[in-house]
Amino acid sequence: MDASRIVQKRIERGVSAPDMARRLGVAKSTIYRYESGAIEKMPVGRLIQIAKILETTPAYLMFWTDEDEADESSIKECFEVPRRLTAKERHLISRQLDQFFSLKTTK
């Protein structure tokens, strides 16, 4: 996982790693491991919490978009897209994501 945007936003917002750790209820070493990429699979809920603290979107932090400000429609869209997919399409995407993340962890 490329966490450079997490580091960038944390510094831009003036949030220290210890402060972020306190707000998330984790050890500061966990924050450093997220930022260094030592933790490859961050839980989605944690990503959402981090985005909220850094006043940005999970999509921006994960490089899915270059827009770093959330608006209500973009947040809703993140939850609506999967609902419009068929079971077959969701399965295909899930397989592709599994392949992608397995490639990232073997490098």
Protein backbone atom coordinates (compact mmCIF):
# COMPACT_ATOMS: atom_id res chain seq x y z
CA MET A 1 0.00 0.00 0.00
CA ASP A 2 1.36 3.45 -0.95
CA ALA A 3 0.73 5.55 2.13
CA SER A 4 2.50 8.69 0.92
CA ARG A 5 -0.76 10.64 0.82
CA ILE A 6 -1.49 9.70 4.42
CA VAL A 7 1.89 11.12 5.44
CA GLN A 8 1.43 14.17 3.21
CA LYS A 9 -2.04 14.99 4.58
CA ARG A 10 -1.01 14.31 8.17
CA ILE A 11 1.83 16.81 7.84
CA GLU A 12 -0.34 19.33 5.95
CA ARG A 13 -2.99 19.19 8.68
CA GLY A 14 -0.42 19.44 11.47
CA VAL A 15 -1.40 16.10 12.98
CA SER A 16 1.45 14.27 14.69
CA ALA A 17 1.73 10.49 14.50
CA PRO A 18 1.22 10.20 18.29
CA ASP A 19 -1.89 12.40 18.08
CA MET A 20 -3.31 10.34 15.22
CA ALA A 21 -2.58 7.16 17.17
CA ARG A 22 -4.38 8.55 20.21
CA ARG A 23 -7.41 9.56 18.12
CA LEU A 24 -7.55 6.12 16.50
CA GLY A 25 -6.92 4.24 19.74
CA VAL A 26 -3.80 2.48 18.44
CA ALA A 27 -0.10 2.55 19.26
CA LYS A 28 1.98 5.20 17.48
CA SER A 29 4.07 2.35 16.05
CA THR A 30 0.93 1.25 14.17
CA ILE A 31 0.74 4.67 12.50
CA TYR A 32 4.39 4.44 11.49
CA ARG A 33 3.79 0.94 10.11
CA TYR A 34 0.83 2.19 8.05
CA GLU A 35 2.93 5.04 6.72
CA SER A 36 5.94 2.88 5.89
CA GLY A 37 3.82 0.28 4.12
CA ALA A 38 4.70 -2.42 6.65
CA ILE A 39 0.98 -3.03 7.11
CA GLU A 40 -0.25 -3.95 3.63
CA LYS A 41 -3.96 -4.43 4.27
CA MET A 42 -5.40 -1.60 6.30
CA PRO A 43 -8.96 -2.31 7.44
CA VAL A 44 -11.50 -0.21 5.54
CA GLY A 45 -12.94 1.15 8.77
CA ARG A 46 -9.50 2.37 9.82
CA LEU A 47 -8.97 4.02 6.42
CA ILE A 48 -12.27 5.86 6.83
CA GLN A 49 -11.26 7.02 10.33
CA ILE A 50 -7.91 8.28 9.05
CA ALA A 51 -9.55 10.12 6.16
CA LYS A 52 -11.95 11.81 8.59
CA ILE A 53 -9.10 12.91 10.88
CA LEU A 54 -7.15 14.24 7.88
CA GLU A 55 -10.23 15.94 6.41
CA THR A 56 -10.02 14.12 3.10
CA THR A 57 -11.49 11.03 1.46
CA PRO A 58 -10.45 7.38 1.57
CA ALA A 59 -10.41 7.46 -2.25
CA TYR A 60 -7.82 10.25 -2.24
CA LEU A 61 -5.62 8.48 0.31
CA MET A 62 -5.71 5.28 -1.76
CA PHE A 63 -4.90 7.11 -5.05
CA TRP A 64 -8.30 6.23 -6.53
CA THR A 65 -8.87 9.92 -7.26
CA ASP A 66 -6.92 13.15 -7.29
CA GLU A 67 -9.79 15.00 -5.59
CA ASP A 68 -8.96 15.34 -1.91
CA GLU A 69 -12.17 16.95 -0.72
CA ALA A 70 -15.26 14.94 -0.03
CA ASP A 71 -18.67 16.09 -0.98
CA GLU A 72 -21.83 14.27 -0.07
CA SER A 73 -22.38 12.89 -3.57
CA SER A 74 -18.87 11.39 -3.84
CA ILE A 75 -19.29 9.63 -0.50
CA LYS A 76 -22.70 8.26 -1.48
CA GLU A 77 -21.30 7.10 -4.83
CA CYS A 78 -18.69 4.94 -3.04
CA PHE A 79 -21.51 2.99 -1.42
CA GLU A 80 -23.90 2.98 -4.38
CA VAL A 81 -21.60 1.49 -7.04
CA PRO A 82 -21.35 -1.98 -5.45
CA ARG A 83 -25.13 -2.12 -5.11
CA ARG A 84 -25.53 -1.68 -8.87
CA LEU A 85 -23.23 -4.59 -9.68
CA THR A 86 -24.46 -8.10 -10.30
CA ALA A 87 -23.17 -10.92 -8.12
CA LYS A 88 -21.00 -12.08 -11.02
CA GLU A 89 -19.48 -8.60 -11.43
CA ARG A 90 -18.79 -8.32 -7.68
CA HIS A 91 -17.09 -11.74 -7.75
CA LEU A 92 -14.95 -10.75 -10.74
CA ILE A 93 -13.87 -7.50 -9.10
CA SER A 94 -13.11 -9.32 -5.86
CA ARG A 95 -10.87 -11.79 -7.72
CA GLN A 96 -9.07 -8.95 -9.51
CA LEU A 97 -8.48 -7.11 -6.24
CA ASP A 98 -7.14 -10.28 -4.63
CA GLN A 99 -4.72 -10.71 -7.54
CA PHE A 100 -3.68 -7.07 -7.36
CA PHE A 101 -2.97 -7.18 -3.64
CA SER A 102 -1.13 -10.49 -3.88
CA LEU A 103 1.16 -8.92 -6.52
CA LYS A 104 1.79 -5.89 -4.31
CA THR A 105 2.78 -8.02 -1.31
CA THR A 106 5.26 -10.17 -3.27
CA LYS A 107 7.38 -7.20 -4.42
